[in-house]
Amino acid sequence: MSRGRQKVSFEGLLQEDVLGIFKIIRGFADLRDLAEVSTAMRYQGGENGQGTGYQRQFDEQHVEDIKRFLSKGRYRFFPEIVLSLRSKGANDPVVPYSKRRSSPNDKAYRVSVNLKALRAEGGSRICRIDGNHRLEAAIRLVKENKSFASIKSHREAPFCFVVLDSDRPGDDELAEAMLFNLINSKALPIASEHSLSVLMRDDGAAAERFVEDPQVYLTRWIRDKVKDWPRGFYTAMGDTPLSRLHSAAGVLLRPGGISKATQQDMETEAGHLFGPLYDLAIRLRDQHEKFVNSYAFLPVAAEVYARHSKVDPAKGANTEAERLRRAERWLRDFARWFDCVGAADMPLPADPSILWTVFKCDFDKRAGKVFIAMSFNNDQALQEVGRAIDEALDRFNADHPNSPLAPRRADKQKGASYEIPAWIFSEIDQSRLLIADLTDERPNVYCEVGYAKSRGIPFILTFHKRIPSDKPPWDRESSPGNRVHFDLMPYRYIAYESAFDLRDKLRQELESFLGRTI
């Protein structure tokens, strides 16, 4: 092809009914010509998934590797470059294609590209489906070496034009996206948000869509469900809602999850699951909105409800109400951990439920430990407080023999010498709960509550109400432990008048906080 011409021609053999519906023209052509007439469809995000393009952004290292491959000067096999050709045939004014000979058995075709008309239209008649990096490498080599002599011996590469001649541009865009996803297993997950949004517009028969890709089918099903969820749930997923839902669908379809044996099985099982998930989203959103609106909610909530909300029938009922209550308790614990580790700001994992696995390992390690923070002076009343806390835990354990709580107190540890502050912080880290009695206003107790709060470990505060004294507040001997200090005043705490009162109130608090997960 002469560089001074206004037209570029490509010759190849035509084959019809490829993959059932496509007409393709295959041949060999100069890399420079293929690069000149084609447009890269790079993905660019937009609001509510309305981005453009479907290809990954250039990997500069990959382009440089291809340039080195081309510059070797020896012929090597070069993979086929796949392009879409939007043409109406021989009479198309911009990119016509027609047979070279009249013989009915001759499949040789010529594609002519009117460069001036192509540029006037914006150059979108021929789009790159596969081979974007290869063509970019060729363009850069031409700019760096005008003669192109270094790759003269193998500057031609195999090409494949996929002819798209639909009257609806959306159908052609859908075909391009589906072919790109079929070819490119290393591109953006199912290619991109835009690619998924195109696939969602496919109005083909449901049965056919299910057979083609169950995960995309389930993504569409989930999207239609969650659009009616709590206000802002769908929009909170930002520019990539479909990518997040597609990731969740992949988790749900893994072995042991939703069945994909048939379309009916999938929809039935998904329907049984998404009713409770909607209820959980409603229940959790007031206190844990960041988690509910995150990429992790759907897969983690599905994992918890499907696999961790049932108990042995001998230990309790498995009605939907009971399962929802257990799942809610689990998810509240998870949401606190999720917020503490900053998981909402992490990149989207391929399997978000891996976060549940990490959380559950950590939870199991500290499941039965309860750290007791309190004053350990010799005051008789405080000693009775310590016994009241122990009795409240004993009564809880008697009612829940399969999930006993083990209190940990610094004054009851024996054995080899150890650094007490280090041991205390380590024990708090490994505890499921901290019970802090604020009586006597001990600085170490306030420090331990602050540490637990910083680590995302829940706590129950208790405080012995005492009759106010006429003595000044700095006279601690006459009026010890008579107030809760400023930093903890906003928190709810158990105010008790006697050790017996503390025992009964704490027992109720433990049941409310922990009993529903058993």
Protein backbone atom coordinates (compact mmCIF):
# COMPACT_ATOMS: atom_id res chain seq x y z
CA MET A 1 0.00 0.00 0.00
CA SER A 2 1.38 3.38 -0.99
CA ARG A 3 1.50 5.87 1.86
CA GLY A 4 0.23 8.65 -0.47
CA ARG A 5 -3.09 6.98 -1.22
CA GLN A 6 -6.41 7.92 0.28
CA LYS A 7 -7.56 4.30 0.46
CA VAL A 8 -6.28 1.16 2.13
CA SER A 9 -7.26 -2.29 0.95
CA PHE A 10 -7.22 -5.61 2.80
CA GLU A 11 -7.76 -9.01 1.20
CA GLY A 12 -8.88 -12.19 2.88
CA LEU A 13 -11.20 -15.19 2.81
CA LEU A 14 -14.78 -14.90 3.96
CA GLN A 15 -16.39 -17.42 6.28
CA GLU A 16 -20.02 -17.27 7.39
CA ASP A 17 -21.91 -18.50 10.47
CA VAL A 18 -18.88 -18.42 12.75
CA LEU A 19 -20.08 -19.00 16.34
CA GLY A 20 -23.50 -19.31 14.77
CA ILE A 21 -24.05 -15.67 13.82
CA PHE A 22 -20.86 -13.94 12.68
CA LYS A 23 -19.44 -13.31 9.22
CA ILE A 24 -15.65 -12.94 9.22
CA ILE A 25 -12.91 -12.09 6.72
CA ARG A 26 -9.43 -13.46 7.45
CA GLY A 27 -6.14 -12.59 5.81
CA PHE A 28 -2.70 -11.01 6.28
CA ALA A 29 -1.95 -7.29 6.28
CA ASP A 30 0.69 -4.74 7.16
CA LEU A 31 0.63 -3.93 10.88
CA ARG A 32 0.87 -0.23 10.05
CA ASP A 33 -2.26 -0.38 7.92
CA LEU A 34 -4.22 -2.25 10.56
CA ALA A 35 -3.13 0.27 13.17
CA GLU A 36 -3.99 3.25 10.94
CA VAL A 37 -7.58 2.25 10.17
CA SER A 38 -8.59 0.88 13.59
CA THR A 39 -9.70 2.51 16.82
CA ALA A 40 -8.79 1.37 20.33
CA MET A 41 -11.84 0.99 22.58
CA ARG A 42 -10.20 1.78 25.91
CA TYR A 43 -12.33 1.58 29.01
CA GLN A 44 -13.09 4.85 30.77
CA GLY A 45 -15.36 4.82 33.82
CA GLY A 46 -18.46 6.95 34.23
CA GLU A 47 -21.31 7.52 36.63
CA ASN A 48 -23.60 4.57 37.42
CA GLY A 49 -21.67 2.23 35.17
CA GLN A 50 -22.15 4.31 32.02
CA GLY A 51 -18.49 4.28 31.04
CA THR A 52 -17.15 3.80 27.53
CA GLY A 53 -14.97 1.15 25.95
CA TYR A 54 -14.11 -2.30 27.16
CA GLN A 55 -10.35 -2.75 26.86
CA ARG A 56 -7.80 -2.47 29.65
CA GLN A 57 -5.49 0.52 29.66
CA PHE A 58 -2.11 0.02 28.02
CA ASP A 59 0.45 -1.96 29.96
CA GLU A 60 3.58 -0.06 28.98
CA GLN A 61 5.87 -2.96 29.79
CA HIS A 62 3.81 -5.26 27.58
CA VAL A 63 4.02 -2.81 24.67
CA GLU A 64 7.80 -2.54 25.07
CA ASP A 65 8.11 -6.33 25.14
CA ILE A 66 6.22 -6.57 21.82
CA LYS A 67 8.42 -3.86 20.31
CA ARG A 68 11.48 -5.89 21.20
CA PHE A 69 9.83 -8.99 19.70
CA LEU A 70 9.16 -7.15 16.42
CA SER A 71 12.65 -5.64 16.32
CA LYS A 72 14.47 -8.99 16.33
CA GLY A 73 14.35 -9.10 12.52
CA ARG A 74 13.47 -12.81 12.36
CA TYR A 75 10.09 -14.21 11.47
CA ARG A 76 8.11 -15.50 14.40
CA PHE A 77 4.48 -16.49 14.65
CA PHE A 78 2.30 -13.50 15.44
CA PRO A 79 -1.20 -14.05 16.93
CA GLU A 80 -4.20 -12.96 14.91
CA ILE A 81 -5.44 -9.41 15.37
CA VAL A 82 -9.24 -9.31 15.69
CA LEU A 83 -11.10 -6.21 14.52
CA SER A 84 -14.76 -5.37 14.15
CA LEU A 85 -15.86 -4.06 10.74
CA ARG A 86 -19.07 -2.04 10.72
CA SER A 87 -20.05 -2.19 7.07
CA LYS A 88 -23.18 -2.60 4.97
CA GLY A 89 -21.32 -4.39 2.19
CA ALA A 90 -20.30 -3.39 -1.32
CA ASN A 91 -22.23 -0.11 -1.31
CA ASP A 92 -20.93 1.21 2.00
CA PRO A 93 -19.35 4.62 1.27
CA VAL A 94 -16.65 4.33 3.96
CA VAL A 95 -15.66 0.66 4.41
CA PRO A 96 -17.16 -1.41 1.57
CA TYR A 97 -16.29 -5.05 1.13
CA SER A 98 -16.99 -7.25 -1.90
CA LYS A 99 -15.85 -10.37 -3.70
CA ARG A 100 -12.73 -10.11 -5.80
CA ARG A 101 -14.05 -12.53 -8.48
CA SER A 102 -17.49 -13.50 -9.64
CA SER A 103 -16.93 -17.24 -9.22
CA PRO A 104 -19.47 -18.59 -6.66
CA ASN A 105 -16.85 -20.87 -5.12
CA ASP A 106 -14.29 -18.14 -4.68
CA LYS A 107 -14.31 -16.84 -1.09
CA ALA A 108 -11.69 -14.12 -1.62
CA TYR A 109 -12.94 -10.67 -0.54
CA ARG A 110 -11.48 -7.21 -0.55
CA VAL A 111 -12.15 -4.62 2.17
CA SER A 112 -11.54 -1.04 1.04
CA VAL A 113 -11.16 1.75 3.55
CA ASN A 114 -11.72 5.35 2.47
CA LEU A 115 -9.34 7.07 4.89
CA LYS A 116 -10.72 10.56 4.35
CA ALA A 117 -14.32 9.46 4.94
CA LEU A 118 -13.26 7.32 7.89
CA ARG A 119 -11.57 10.23 9.62
CA ALA A 120 -14.51 12.50 8.89
CA GLU A 121 -16.79 10.03 10.71
CA GLY A 122 -14.48 9.86 13.71
CA GLY A 123 -12.75 6.60 12.83
CA SER A 124 -15.06 4.21 14.68
CA ARG A 125 -15.99 1.87 11.81
CA ILE A 126 -13.12 -0.52 12.59
CA CYS A 127 -12.57 -1.23 16.29
CA ARG A 128 -9.89 -3.30 17.97
CA ILE A 129 -11.29 -6.32 19.76
CA ASP A 130 -7.99 -8.13 20.30
CA GLY A 131 -4.44 -7.03 19.45
CA ASN A 132 -4.50 -3.51 20.84
CA HIS A 133 -1.03 -3.80 22.41
CA ARG A 134 0.43 -5.30 19.22
CA LEU A 135 -0.88 -2.47 17.07
CA GLU A 136 0.28 0.15 19.57
CA ALA A 137 3.78 -1.38 19.45
CA ALA A 138 3.71 -1.15 15.65
CA ILE A 139 2.64 2.52 15.76
CA ARG A 140 5.47 3.38 18.12
CA LEU A 141 8.05 1.55 16.00
CA VAL A 142 6.96 3.50 12.94
CA LYS A 143 7.42 6.77 14.83
CA GLU A 144 10.82 5.70 16.10
CA ASN A 145 12.02 4.19 12.82
CA LYS A 146 10.41 5.70 9.76
CA SER A 147 11.81 3.07 7.40
CA PHE A 148 10.34 0.19 9.40
CA ALA A 149 13.33 -1.74 8.00
CA SER A 150 14.09 -3.53 11.24
CA ILE A 151 10.88 -5.55 10.97
CA LYS A 152 10.51 -5.64 7.19
CA SER A 153 10.84 -9.42 7.12
CA HIS A 154 7.72 -9.92 9.21
CA ARG A 155 5.76 -6.70 9.28
CA GLU A 156 2.63 -8.51 8.12
CA ALA A 157 0.32 -10.11 10.65
CA PRO A 158 -2.82 -12.22 10.43
CA PHE A 159 -6.05 -10.29 10.85
CA CYS A 160 -9.68 -11.17 11.31
CA PHE A 161 -12.48 -8.72 10.47
CA VAL A 162 -15.75 -9.55 12.26
CA VAL A 163 -18.43 -7.98 10.07
CA LEU A 164 -21.13 -6.17 12.08
CA ASP A 165 -24.01 -4.83 10.02
CA SER A 166 -26.87 -4.47 12.48
CA ASP A 167 -29.32 -1.61 12.21
CA ARG A 168 -29.00 -1.11 15.99
CA PRO A 169 -25.62 0.23 17.20
CA GLY A 170 -26.31 -1.23 20.65
CA ASP A 171 -26.39 -4.74 19.21
CA ASP A 172 -23.02 -4.23 17.52
CA GLU A 173 -21.57 -2.87 20.76
CA LEU A 174 -22.92 -5.90 22.59
CA ALA A 175 -21.36 -8.24 20.02
CA GLU A 176 -17.97 -6.52 20.36
CA ALA A 177 -18.07 -6.72 24.15
CA MET A 178 -19.04 -10.40 24.14
CA LEU A 179 -16.27 -11.28 21.68
CA PHE A 180 -13.74 -9.28 23.67
CA ASN A 181 -14.72 -11.12 26.85
CA LEU A 182 -14.59 -14.44 25.05
CA ILE A 183 -11.05 -13.81 23.77
CA ASN A 184 -9.50 -11.79 26.58
CA SER A 185 -9.26 -13.78 29.77
CA LYS A 186 -6.55 -11.42 31.08
CA ALA A 187 -8.49 -8.18 30.66
CA LEU A 188 -10.47 -6.31 33.29
CA PRO A 189 -12.86 -8.65 35.18
CA ILE A 190 -15.32 -9.69 32.49
CA ALA A 191 -13.62 -6.88 30.77
CA SER A 192 -15.05 -3.77 32.41
CA GLU A 193 -18.02 -2.02 33.94
CA HIS A 194 -19.00 -0.75 30.51
CA SER A 195 -18.76 -4.23 29.04
CA LEU A 196 -21.08 -5.54 31.73
CA SER A 197 -23.51 -2.68 31.19
CA VAL A 198 -23.63 -3.63 27.50
CA LEU A 199 -24.23 -7.28 28.36
CA MET A 200 -27.05 -6.27 30.69
CA ARG A 201 -28.86 -4.73 27.72
CA ASP A 202 -28.98 -8.03 25.86
CA ASP A 203 -32.66 -8.81 25.32
CA GLY A 204 -32.12 -12.38 24.18
CA ALA A 205 -34.02 -15.33 25.60
CA ALA A 206 -33.34 -15.88 29.31
CA ALA A 207 -32.59 -19.57 28.80
CA GLU A 208 -29.94 -18.74 26.19
CA ARG A 209 -28.32 -16.10 28.41
CA PHE A 210 -28.18 -18.58 31.29
CA VAL A 211 -26.47 -21.24 29.17
CA GLU A 212 -23.96 -18.74 27.76
CA ASP A 213 -22.77 -17.47 31.14
CA PRO A 214 -24.53 -18.32 34.46
CA GLN A 215 -22.47 -15.72 36.32
CA VAL A 216 -23.55 -12.87 34.04
CA TYR A 217 -27.13 -14.16 34.23
CA LEU A 218 -27.02 -14.12 38.03
CA THR A 219 -25.43 -10.65 37.96
CA ARG A 220 -28.43 -9.39 36.00
CA TRP A 221 -30.80 -11.12 38.44
CA ILE A 222 -29.05 -9.58 41.47
CA ARG A 223 -29.00 -6.13 39.85
CA ASP A 224 -32.77 -6.21 39.36
CA LYS A 225 -33.22 -7.25 43.00
CA VAL A 226 -30.93 -4.76 44.72
CA LYS A 227 -32.15 -1.74 42.77
CA ASP A 228 -35.16 -1.82 45.13
CA TRP A 229 -33.03 -2.17 48.24
CA PRO A 230 -32.53 0.55 50.88
CA ARG A 231 -32.21 3.99 49.41
CA GLY A 232 -28.70 4.61 48.17
CA PHE A 233 -27.57 0.96 48.28
CA TYR A 234 -27.07 0.66 44.53
CA THR A 235 -25.73 4.17 43.97
CA ALA A 236 -23.25 3.72 46.85
CA MET A 237 -21.39 1.24 44.66
CA GLY A 238 -20.10 4.21 42.69
CA ASP A 239 -18.84 3.85 39.14
CA THR A 240 -18.62 0.06 39.22
CA PRO A 241 -21.88 -1.40 40.60
CA LEU A 242 -22.07 -4.17 38.02
CA SER A 243 -18.45 -5.21 38.59
CA ARG A 244 -19.20 -5.54 42.30
CA LEU A 245 -22.37 -7.52 41.69
CA HIS A 246 -20.56 -9.72 39.17
CA SER A 247 -17.91 -10.45 41.79
CA ALA A 248 -20.64 -11.31 44.32
CA ALA A 249 -22.32 -13.59 41.80
CA GLY A 250 -19.05 -15.47 41.33
CA VAL A 251 -18.83 -16.04 45.08
CA LEU A 252 -22.42 -17.23 45.32
CA LEU A 253 -21.93 -19.73 42.49
CA ARG A 254 -18.85 -21.41 43.91
CA PRO A 255 -19.18 -25.05 45.11
CA GLY A 256 -21.50 -25.31 48.06
CA GLY A 257 -23.33 -22.08 47.19
CA ILE A 258 -26.24 -21.40 44.86
CA SER A 259 -26.86 -24.21 42.39
CA LYS A 260 -26.40 -23.49 38.70
CA ALA A 261 -27.61 -26.87 37.48
CA THR A 262 -30.59 -25.22 35.81
CA GLN A 263 -31.96 -21.72 35.42
CA GLN A 264 -34.91 -22.63 37.66
CA ASP A 265 -32.67 -24.03 40.41
CA MET A 266 -30.54 -20.88 40.42
CA GLU A 267 -33.49 -18.49 40.58
CA THR A 268 -35.28 -20.51 43.27
CA GLU A 269 -32.25 -20.73 45.56
CA ALA A 270 -31.31 -17.09 44.94
CA GLY A 271 -34.88 -16.06 45.77
CA HIS A 272 -34.75 -17.91 49.10
CA LEU A 273 -31.49 -16.15 49.91
CA PHE A 274 -32.13 -12.56 48.85
CA GLY A 275 -35.23 -12.02 50.97
CA PRO A 276 -33.23 -12.47 54.20
CA LEU A 277 -30.31 -10.48 52.76
CA TYR A 278 -32.64 -7.54 52.16
CA ASP A 279 -33.83 -7.76 55.80
CA LEU A 280 -30.24 -7.83 57.02
CA ALA A 281 -29.36 -4.76 54.93
CA ILE A 282 -32.27 -2.88 56.52
CA ARG A 283 -31.37 -3.96 60.07
CA LEU A 284 -27.67 -3.15 59.79
CA ARG A 285 -27.71 0.04 57.81
CA ASP A 286 -28.43 2.49 60.64
CA GLN A 287 -25.29 1.59 62.58
CA HIS A 288 -23.11 0.05 59.86
CA GLU A 289 -23.94 1.95 56.68
CA LYS A 290 -20.35 1.89 55.42
CA PHE A 291 -20.28 -1.91 55.52
CA VAL A 292 -23.78 -2.34 54.05
CA ASN A 293 -22.85 -0.07 51.12
CA SER A 294 -19.49 -1.76 50.55
CA TYR A 295 -18.42 -4.38 48.02
CA ALA A 296 -18.23 -6.95 50.82
CA PHE A 297 -21.81 -6.87 52.08
CA LEU A 298 -23.57 -9.13 49.58
CA PRO A 299 -21.02 -11.98 49.45
CA VAL A 300 -20.29 -11.87 53.21
CA ALA A 301 -23.95 -11.61 54.21
CA ALA A 302 -24.78 -14.50 51.87
CA GLU A 303 -21.94 -16.56 53.32
CA VAL A 304 -23.05 -15.87 56.90
CA TYR A 305 -26.76 -16.47 56.35
CA ALA A 306 -26.31 -19.59 54.22
CA ARG A 307 -23.56 -21.29 56.23
CA HIS A 308 -23.42 -19.82 59.74
CA SER A 309 -26.98 -19.04 60.81
CA LYS A 310 -28.11 -22.63 61.31
CA VAL A 311 -27.58 -24.55 64.55
CA ASP A 312 -28.05 -28.12 65.64
CA PRO A 313 -31.83 -28.58 66.17
CA ALA A 314 -31.06 -29.64 69.74
CA LYS A 315 -29.57 -26.21 70.43
CA GLY A 316 -32.30 -24.04 68.95
CA ALA A 317 -34.79 -23.42 66.18
CA ASN A 318 -33.83 -22.82 62.56
CA THR A 319 -36.77 -20.65 61.59
CA GLU A 320 -36.05 -17.73 59.29
CA ALA A 321 -36.51 -15.31 62.21
CA GLU A 322 -33.95 -17.16 64.35
CA ARG A 323 -31.49 -17.46 61.47
CA LEU A 324 -31.84 -13.76 60.73
CA ARG A 325 -31.15 -12.93 64.37
CA ARG A 326 -28.00 -15.08 64.44
CA ALA A 327 -26.79 -13.73 61.09
CA GLU A 328 -27.39 -10.16 62.24
CA ARG A 329 -25.25 -10.73 65.34
CA TRP A 330 -22.44 -12.22 63.28
CA LEU A 331 -22.60 -9.39 60.77
CA ARG A 332 -22.54 -6.70 63.45
CA ASP A 333 -19.35 -8.23 64.84
CA PHE A 334 -17.94 -8.45 61.32
CA ALA A 335 -18.95 -4.84 60.53
CA ARG A 336 -17.02 -3.54 63.55
CA TRP A 337 -13.96 -5.52 62.48
CA PHE A 338 -14.44 -4.40 58.84
CA ASP A 339 -14.44 -0.76 59.92
CA CYS A 340 -11.50 -1.23 62.29
CA VAL A 341 -9.18 -2.67 59.61
CA GLY A 342 -10.27 -0.12 56.98
CA ALA A 343 -11.50 -2.84 54.62
CA ALA A 344 -13.92 -0.51 52.83
CA ASP A 345 -10.93 1.29 51.29
CA MET A 346 -9.17 -1.88 50.15
CA PRO A 347 -9.14 -2.80 46.43
CA LEU A 348 -12.03 -5.02 45.36
CA PRO A 349 -10.94 -8.63 45.98
CA ALA A 350 -11.90 -11.30 43.44
CA ASP A 351 -13.62 -13.12 46.30
CA PRO A 352 -14.75 -10.61 48.97
CA SER A 353 -15.84 -13.44 51.27
CA ILE A 354 -12.14 -14.06 51.98
CA LEU A 355 -12.50 -11.19 54.44
CA TRP A 356 -15.05 -13.25 56.34
CA THR A 357 -12.56 -16.12 56.52
CA VAL A 358 -9.92 -13.80 57.98
CA PHE A 359 -12.39 -12.34 60.47
CA LYS A 360 -13.68 -15.79 61.52
CA CYS A 361 -10.15 -17.09 62.18
CA ASP A 362 -9.49 -14.07 64.38
CA PHE A 363 -12.89 -14.41 66.06
CA ASP A 364 -12.45 -18.12 66.83
CA LYS A 365 -9.09 -17.39 68.42
CA ARG A 366 -10.66 -15.03 70.93
CA ALA A 367 -14.26 -16.30 70.99
CA GLY A 368 -14.46 -17.27 74.68
CA LYS A 369 -12.16 -14.68 76.24
CA VAL A 370 -13.57 -11.80 78.28
CA PHE A 371 -11.07 -9.37 79.76
CA ILE A 372 -11.99 -7.82 83.11
CA ALA A 373 -10.66 -4.33 83.80
CA MET A 374 -11.28 -2.97 87.30
CA SER A 375 -9.68 -1.62 90.42
CA PHE A 376 -7.86 -4.26 92.46
CA ASN A 377 -7.52 -2.44 95.76
CA ASN A 378 -8.51 -4.15 98.99
CA ASP A 379 -11.82 -2.35 99.36
CA GLN A 380 -14.39 -4.95 100.45
CA ALA A 381 -17.06 -3.52 98.17
CA LEU A 382 -14.76 -3.79 95.11
CA GLN A 383 -13.90 -7.38 95.99
CA GLU A 384 -17.61 -8.11 96.00
CA VAL A 385 -17.87 -6.44 92.60
CA GLY A 386 -15.23 -8.84 91.26
CA ARG A 387 -17.17 -11.82 92.61
CA ALA A 388 -20.42 -10.45 91.11
CA ILE A 389 -18.81 -10.27 87.66
CA ASP A 390 -17.56 -13.86 88.02
CA GLU A 391 -21.03 -15.03 89.07
CA ALA A 392 -22.67 -13.28 86.11
CA LEU A 393 -20.27 -15.09 83.75
CA ASP A 394 -20.88 -18.42 85.53
CA ARG A 395 -24.64 -18.04 85.11
CA PHE A 396 -24.22 -17.20 81.44
CA ASN A 397 -22.04 -20.28 80.97
CA ALA A 398 -24.61 -22.47 82.71
CA ASP A 399 -27.22 -21.38 80.15
CA HIS A 400 -24.81 -21.71 77.21
CA PRO A 401 -22.62 -24.75 77.97
CA ASN A 402 -21.45 -25.04 74.36
CA SER A 403 -20.07 -21.49 74.24
CA PRO A 404 -18.50 -20.76 77.65
CA LEU A 405 -16.90 -17.43 78.46
CA ALA A 406 -13.49 -17.40 80.15
CA PRO A 407 -12.70 -14.30 82.24
CA ARG A 408 -9.13 -12.98 82.18
CA ARG A 409 -7.90 -10.74 85.01
CA ALA A 410 -4.38 -9.49 85.61
CA ASP A 411 -4.57 -10.11 89.39
CA LYS A 412 -5.34 -13.82 88.95
CA GLN A 413 -2.51 -14.79 86.60
CA LYS A 414 0.22 -17.05 87.94
CA GLY A 415 3.37 -18.65 86.61
CA ALA A 416 6.62 -17.27 85.21
CA SER A 417 7.43 -13.58 85.28
CA TYR A 418 6.07 -11.43 82.47
CA GLU A 419 5.67 -7.77 81.63
CA ILE A 420 2.22 -6.90 82.97
CA PRO A 421 1.25 -4.07 80.54
CA ALA A 422 2.33 -6.12 77.53
CA TRP A 423 0.34 -9.11 78.80
CA ILE A 424 -2.75 -6.94 79.40
CA PHE A 425 -2.74 -5.45 75.90
CA SER A 426 -2.12 -8.86 74.35
CA GLU A 427 -5.07 -10.33 76.29
CA ILE A 428 -7.35 -7.47 75.25
CA ASP A 429 -6.34 -8.02 71.61
CA GLN A 430 -7.34 -11.67 71.89
CA SER A 431 -10.61 -11.06 73.75
CA ARG A 432 -14.09 -11.04 72.35
CA LEU A 433 -15.31 -8.56 74.92
CA LEU A 434 -14.00 -6.26 77.65
CA ILE A 435 -15.93 -5.67 80.87
CA ALA A 436 -14.69 -2.51 82.60
CA ASP A 437 -15.81 -1.45 86.05
CA LEU A 438 -15.17 2.29 86.34
CA THR A 439 -15.59 2.38 90.10
CA ASP A 440 -12.61 3.92 91.90
CA GLU A 441 -11.66 5.90 88.77
CA ARG A 442 -8.48 3.94 88.10
CA PRO A 443 -6.36 5.39 85.24
CA ASN A 444 -5.33 1.92 84.10
CA VAL A 445 -9.01 0.94 83.62
CA TYR A 446 -9.64 4.00 81.46
CA CYS A 447 -6.47 3.24 79.50
CA GLU A 448 -7.60 -0.35 78.88
CA VAL A 449 -11.05 0.79 77.69
CA GLY A 450 -9.38 3.25 75.33
CA TYR A 451 -7.11 0.53 73.97
CA ALA A 452 -10.07 -1.83 73.40
CA LYS A 453 -11.93 0.93 71.59
CA SER A 454 -8.94 1.59 69.33
CA ARG A 455 -8.80 -2.11 68.44
CA GLY A 456 -12.50 -2.37 67.66
CA ILE A 457 -13.19 -4.66 70.62
CA PRO A 458 -16.63 -4.07 72.16
CA PHE A 459 -16.92 -3.29 75.85
CA ILE A 460 -19.50 -3.22 78.64
CA LEU A 461 -19.05 -0.46 81.22
CA THR A 462 -20.23 -0.76 84.83
CA PHE A 463 -20.24 1.84 87.62
CA HIS A 464 -21.08 1.69 91.32
CA LYS A 465 -23.45 4.50 92.23
CA ARG A 466 -22.55 5.87 95.64
CA ILE A 467 -24.23 8.46 97.78
CA PRO A 468 -22.64 11.86 97.07
CA SER A 469 -20.41 13.17 99.81
CA ASP A 470 -20.21 16.68 101.20
CA LYS A 471 -16.45 16.41 100.99
CA PRO A 472 -14.63 18.19 98.12
CA PRO A 473 -13.97 16.05 94.96
CA TRP A 474 -10.19 16.01 95.61
CA ASP A 475 -10.80 14.20 98.89
CA ARG A 476 -10.75 10.73 97.29
CA GLU A 477 -10.66 8.80 100.58
CA SER A 478 -14.06 10.14 101.61
CA SER A 479 -15.68 9.88 98.15
CA PRO A 480 -13.89 7.33 95.95
CA GLY A 481 -15.28 6.26 92.59
CA ASN A 482 -18.25 8.57 92.58
CA ARG A 483 -18.25 9.68 88.94
CA VAL A 484 -17.60 8.61 85.34
CA HIS A 485 -15.04 10.81 83.67
CA PHE A 486 -15.74 13.01 80.66
CA ASP A 487 -14.37 10.77 77.87
CA LEU A 488 -16.66 7.86 78.75
CA MET A 489 -19.70 9.84 79.87
CA PRO A 490 -21.39 9.60 76.42
CA TYR A 491 -21.29 5.78 76.51
CA ARG A 492 -24.06 3.67 77.98
CA TYR A 493 -23.02 1.95 81.21
CA ILE A 494 -24.57 -0.22 83.89
CA ALA A 495 -25.10 1.81 87.05
CA TYR A 496 -25.55 -0.55 90.01
CA GLU A 497 -26.18 -0.04 93.71
CA SER A 498 -24.91 -3.36 95.05
CA ALA A 499 -22.93 -6.42 93.97
CA PHE A 500 -26.18 -8.40 93.63
CA ASP A 501 -27.62 -5.65 91.45
CA LEU A 502 -24.50 -5.75 89.24
CA ARG A 503 -24.61 -9.54 88.93
CA ASP A 504 -28.21 -9.56 87.66
CA LYS A 505 -27.84 -6.56 85.34
CA LEU A 506 -24.57 -7.82 83.88
CA ARG A 507 -26.08 -11.25 83.28
CA GLN A 508 -28.88 -9.63 81.27
CA GLU A 509 -26.39 -7.50 79.34
CA LEU A 510 -24.29 -10.54 78.42
CA GLU A 511 -27.38 -12.37 77.21
CA SER A 512 -28.41 -9.41 75.09
CA PHE A 513 -24.93 -8.90 73.66
CA LEU A 514 -23.73 -12.48 73.16
CA GLY A 515 -26.62 -14.88 73.66
CA ARG A 516 -28.24 -14.37 70.28
CA THR A 517 -25.22 -15.70 68.39
CA ILE A 518 -25.31 -19.04 70.19
